[in-house]
N, C-alpha and C. Protein backbone atom coordinates (compact mmCIF):
# COMPACT_ATOMS: atom_id res chain seq x y z
N MET A 1 0.82 -1.18 0.00
CA MET A 1 0.00 0.00 0.00
C MET A 1 0.88 1.26 0.00
N ILE A 2 1.89 1.27 0.85
CA ILE A 2 2.78 2.43 0.94
C ILE A 2 3.58 2.58 -0.35
N ILE A 3 4.03 1.45 -0.89
CA ILE A 3 4.80 1.50 -2.13
C ILE A 3 3.94 2.02 -3.28
N GLU A 4 2.68 1.61 -3.30
CA GLU A 4 1.78 2.07 -4.36
C GLU A 4 1.57 3.58 -4.28
N VAL A 5 1.44 4.10 -3.06
CA VAL A 5 1.28 5.54 -2.88
C VAL A 5 2.53 6.28 -3.32
N LEU A 6 3.70 5.75 -2.97
CA LEU A 6 4.96 6.39 -3.37
C LEU A 6 5.12 6.37 -4.89
N LEU A 7 4.77 5.25 -5.53
CA LEU A 7 4.89 5.18 -6.98
C LEU A 7 3.92 6.14 -7.66
N ASN A 8 2.71 6.27 -7.12
CA ASN A 8 1.75 7.23 -7.68
C ASN A 8 2.25 8.66 -7.50
N LEU A 9 2.89 8.94 -6.38
CA LEU A 9 3.45 10.26 -6.13
C LEU A 9 4.57 10.57 -7.11
N ILE A 10 5.44 9.60 -7.33
CA ILE A 10 6.55 9.79 -8.28
C ILE A 10 5.99 9.97 -9.69
N LYS A 11 4.98 9.18 -10.04
CA LYS A 11 4.37 9.31 -11.36
C LYS A 11 3.74 10.69 -11.54
N GLY A 12 3.09 11.19 -10.50
CA GLY A 12 2.49 12.52 -10.57
C GLY A 12 3.54 13.61 -10.71
N LEU A 13 4.65 13.48 -9.97
CA LEU A 13 5.73 14.48 -10.07
C LEU A 13 6.36 14.46 -11.46
N LEU A 14 6.58 13.27 -12.00
CA LEU A 14 7.15 13.17 -13.35
C LEU A 14 6.19 13.74 -14.39
N ASN A 15 4.90 13.53 -14.17
CA ASN A 15 3.91 14.09 -15.09
C ASN A 15 3.91 15.61 -15.03
N ILE A 16 4.10 16.18 -13.84
CA ILE A 16 4.16 17.63 -13.71
C ILE A 16 5.41 18.18 -14.40
N VAL A 17 6.55 17.53 -14.18
CA VAL A 17 7.82 18.03 -14.71
C VAL A 17 7.89 17.84 -16.22
N PHE A 18 7.52 16.64 -16.70
CA PHE A 18 7.70 16.32 -18.12
C PHE A 18 6.38 16.23 -18.87
N GLY A 19 5.29 16.65 -18.29
CA GLY A 19 3.99 16.54 -18.93
C GLY A 19 3.81 17.44 -20.13
N TRP A 20 4.55 18.50 -20.21
CA TRP A 20 4.40 19.45 -21.32
C TRP A 20 5.04 18.94 -22.60
N ILE A 21 5.89 17.92 -22.52
CA ILE A 21 6.54 17.36 -23.70
C ILE A 21 5.56 16.44 -24.41
N ASN A 22 5.27 16.75 -25.66
CA ASN A 22 4.32 15.97 -26.44
C ASN A 22 5.07 15.26 -27.56
N LEU A 23 5.40 13.99 -27.34
CA LEU A 23 6.13 13.22 -28.34
C LEU A 23 5.16 12.38 -29.15
N PRO A 24 5.36 12.29 -30.46
CA PRO A 24 4.49 11.44 -31.26
C PRO A 24 4.79 9.96 -30.98
N SER A 25 3.82 9.11 -31.22
CA SER A 25 4.02 7.69 -31.01
C SER A 25 4.84 7.09 -32.15
N LEU A 26 5.54 6.02 -31.83
CA LEU A 26 6.35 5.34 -32.85
C LEU A 26 5.45 4.54 -33.77
N PRO A 27 5.89 4.32 -35.00
CA PRO A 27 5.12 3.45 -35.90
C PRO A 27 5.06 2.02 -35.34
N THR A 28 4.00 1.31 -35.68
CA THR A 28 3.81 -0.04 -35.12
C THR A 28 4.90 -1.00 -35.57
N GLU A 29 5.49 -0.79 -36.76
CA GLU A 29 6.56 -1.68 -37.22
C GLU A 29 7.76 -1.61 -36.30
N ILE A 30 8.10 -0.40 -35.87
CA ILE A 30 9.27 -0.23 -34.99
C ILE A 30 8.99 -0.83 -33.62
N THR A 31 7.81 -0.56 -33.06
CA THR A 31 7.51 -1.11 -31.73
C THR A 31 7.42 -2.63 -31.77
N ASP A 32 6.89 -3.21 -32.86
CA ASP A 32 6.85 -4.66 -32.99
C ASP A 32 8.26 -5.25 -33.08
N SER A 33 9.16 -4.56 -33.80
CA SER A 33 10.55 -5.03 -33.91
C SER A 33 11.25 -4.99 -32.57
N ILE A 34 11.05 -3.92 -31.83
CA ILE A 34 11.69 -3.80 -30.51
C ILE A 34 11.15 -4.84 -29.56
N GLU A 35 9.82 -5.03 -29.56
CA GLU A 35 9.23 -6.04 -28.67
C GLU A 35 9.72 -7.45 -29.03
N GLY A 36 9.84 -7.74 -30.32
CA GLY A 36 10.34 -9.04 -30.75
C GLY A 36 11.79 -9.26 -30.34
N PHE A 37 12.60 -8.21 -30.47
CA PHE A 37 14.01 -8.31 -30.07
C PHE A 37 14.13 -8.55 -28.57
N LEU A 38 13.39 -7.78 -27.78
CA LEU A 38 13.44 -7.96 -26.32
C LEU A 38 12.89 -9.33 -25.91
N PHE A 39 11.87 -9.82 -26.62
CA PHE A 39 11.35 -11.15 -26.32
C PHE A 39 12.42 -12.21 -26.57
N LEU A 40 13.16 -12.09 -27.67
CA LEU A 40 14.23 -13.06 -27.95
C LEU A 40 15.30 -13.03 -26.88
N ILE A 41 15.66 -11.84 -26.44
CA ILE A 41 16.71 -11.73 -25.42
C ILE A 41 16.25 -12.36 -24.11
N PHE A 42 15.07 -11.97 -23.63
CA PHE A 42 14.64 -12.43 -22.32
C PHE A 42 14.15 -13.87 -22.32
N SER A 43 13.72 -14.38 -23.45
CA SER A 43 13.32 -15.79 -23.50
C SER A 43 14.54 -16.70 -23.52
N ASN A 44 15.66 -16.22 -24.03
CA ASN A 44 16.88 -17.03 -24.08
C ASN A 44 17.82 -16.74 -22.93
N LEU A 45 17.45 -15.87 -22.02
CA LEU A 45 18.31 -15.56 -20.89
C LEU A 45 18.48 -16.75 -19.98
N GLN A 46 17.45 -17.58 -19.84
CA GLN A 46 17.56 -18.77 -19.01
C GLN A 46 18.53 -19.77 -19.63
N LEU A 47 18.54 -19.87 -20.95
CA LEU A 47 19.47 -20.76 -21.62
C LEU A 47 20.90 -20.29 -21.41
N LEU A 48 21.13 -18.99 -21.50
CA LEU A 48 22.46 -18.45 -21.25
C LEU A 48 22.85 -18.65 -19.78
N GLY A 49 21.87 -18.48 -18.88
CA GLY A 49 22.13 -18.68 -17.45
C GLY A 49 22.46 -20.12 -17.11
N PHE A 50 22.10 -21.06 -18.00
CA PHE A 50 22.46 -22.46 -17.78
C PHE A 50 23.97 -22.66 -17.92
N PHE A 51 24.60 -21.91 -18.83
CA PHE A 51 26.02 -22.07 -19.07
C PHE A 51 26.86 -21.07 -18.27
N ILE A 52 26.35 -19.87 -18.07
CA ILE A 52 27.09 -18.82 -17.37
C ILE A 52 26.18 -18.28 -16.26
N PRO A 53 26.66 -18.18 -15.04
CA PRO A 53 25.83 -17.63 -13.96
C PRO A 53 25.47 -16.16 -14.25
N PRO A 54 24.26 -15.75 -13.91
CA PRO A 54 23.84 -14.36 -14.17
C PRO A 54 24.74 -13.33 -13.50
N PHE A 55 25.32 -13.65 -12.33
CA PHE A 55 26.22 -12.71 -11.67
C PHE A 55 27.41 -12.39 -12.56
N VAL A 56 27.93 -13.39 -13.26
CA VAL A 56 29.07 -13.18 -14.15
C VAL A 56 28.66 -12.29 -15.33
N ILE A 57 27.47 -12.50 -15.85
CA ILE A 57 27.00 -11.71 -16.98
C ILE A 57 26.86 -10.25 -16.57
N PHE A 58 26.21 -10.01 -15.41
CA PHE A 58 25.97 -8.64 -14.97
C PHE A 58 27.25 -7.93 -14.54
N THR A 59 28.28 -8.68 -14.21
CA THR A 59 29.56 -8.08 -13.87
C THR A 59 30.44 -7.89 -15.10
N ALA A 60 30.41 -8.85 -16.01
CA ALA A 60 31.32 -8.82 -17.15
C ALA A 60 30.89 -7.83 -18.23
N VAL A 61 29.61 -7.63 -18.41
CA VAL A 61 29.16 -6.74 -19.49
C VAL A 61 29.63 -5.30 -19.28
N PRO A 62 29.46 -4.69 -18.09
CA PRO A 62 30.00 -3.33 -17.92
C PRO A 62 31.52 -3.28 -18.06
N LEU A 63 32.22 -4.29 -17.57
CA LEU A 63 33.67 -4.32 -17.72
C LEU A 63 34.08 -4.45 -19.19
N LEU A 64 33.32 -5.20 -19.95
CA LEU A 64 33.59 -5.33 -21.39
C LEU A 64 33.36 -4.00 -22.11
N ILE A 65 32.31 -3.31 -21.74
CA ILE A 65 32.03 -2.01 -22.36
C ILE A 65 33.16 -1.02 -22.05
N ILE A 66 33.63 -1.01 -20.81
CA ILE A 66 34.73 -0.12 -20.43
C ILE A 66 36.01 -0.52 -21.17
N ALA A 67 36.27 -1.81 -21.29
CA ALA A 67 37.50 -2.26 -21.96
C ALA A 67 37.48 -1.89 -23.45
N VAL A 68 36.33 -2.01 -24.08
CA VAL A 68 36.24 -1.68 -25.50
C VAL A 68 36.40 -0.18 -25.71
N ASN A 69 35.86 0.61 -24.80
CA ASN A 69 35.92 2.07 -24.92
C ASN A 69 36.94 2.67 -23.96
N PHE A 70 38.06 2.00 -23.74
CA PHE A 70 39.01 2.43 -22.72
C PHE A 70 39.56 3.83 -23.00
N GLU A 71 39.85 4.12 -24.25
CA GLU A 71 40.43 5.43 -24.58
C GLU A 71 39.45 6.55 -24.25
N ARG A 72 38.18 6.37 -24.58
CA ARG A 72 37.17 7.39 -24.27
C ARG A 72 36.97 7.53 -22.77
N VAL A 73 36.96 6.41 -22.06
CA VAL A 73 36.79 6.45 -20.60
C VAL A 73 37.99 7.16 -19.96
N TYR A 74 39.19 6.88 -20.46
CA TYR A 74 40.39 7.52 -19.94
C TYR A 74 40.35 9.03 -20.19
N LYS A 75 39.96 9.44 -21.40
CA LYS A 75 39.89 10.87 -21.70
C LYS A 75 38.84 11.57 -20.85
N LEU A 76 37.71 10.93 -20.64
CA LEU A 76 36.67 11.51 -19.79
C LEU A 76 37.15 11.64 -18.35
N THR A 77 37.82 10.62 -17.84
CA THR A 77 38.34 10.67 -16.48
C THR A 77 39.38 11.77 -16.32
N MET A 78 40.27 11.88 -17.28
CA MET A 78 41.30 12.92 -17.19
C MET A 78 40.68 14.31 -17.33
N TRP A 79 39.66 14.47 -18.15
CA TRP A 79 38.98 15.76 -18.29
C TRP A 79 38.34 16.17 -16.97
N ILE A 80 37.72 15.22 -16.29
CA ILE A 80 37.10 15.51 -14.99
C ILE A 80 38.17 15.87 -13.96
N LEU A 81 39.28 15.13 -13.95
CA LEU A 81 40.34 15.41 -12.98
C LEU A 81 40.98 16.77 -13.23
N ARG A 82 41.08 17.18 -14.50
CA ARG A 82 41.65 18.50 -14.80
C ARG A 82 40.75 19.63 -14.34
N LYS A 83 39.47 19.38 -14.23
CA LYS A 83 38.53 20.41 -13.81
C LYS A 83 38.58 20.65 -12.30
N ILE A 84 39.18 19.74 -11.54
CA ILE A 84 39.28 19.88 -10.09
C ILE A 84 40.58 20.64 -9.79
N PRO A 85 40.48 21.84 -9.24
CA PRO A 85 41.70 22.64 -9.02
C PRO A 85 42.62 22.05 -7.96
N PHE A 86 42.10 21.23 -7.07
CA PHE A 86 42.92 20.70 -5.99
C PHE A 86 44.03 19.80 -6.54
N PHE A 87 43.77 19.08 -7.62
CA PHE A 87 44.76 18.16 -8.19
C PHE A 87 45.86 18.88 -8.97
N ASN A 88 45.59 20.09 -9.47
CA ASN A 88 46.57 20.90 -10.19
C ASN A 88 47.19 20.14 -11.35
N MET A 89 46.35 19.54 -12.17
CA MET A 89 46.83 18.79 -13.33
C MET A 89 46.75 19.66 -14.57
N ASN A 90 47.76 19.58 -15.42
CA ASN A 90 47.76 20.33 -16.70
C ASN A 90 47.78 19.39 -17.86
């Protein structure tokens, strides 16, 4: 009951903040394609979980994304560190 009230409150606040944005709906072909893709992923997740534990998947995927984009992550980190005057980095 309390959770339902909190969720309704959050929904109302989001509606107040973002209610003025009027986005058109997507064509049915696109929504059907997205729903089909998500269905394939989540229906086969149990099969993947049979070979690899879900904990490994949820840990390895973010690490894989960081490893593939290491140069961008490094540049972003250094940009943030340069903005902090305490470190005095040039």
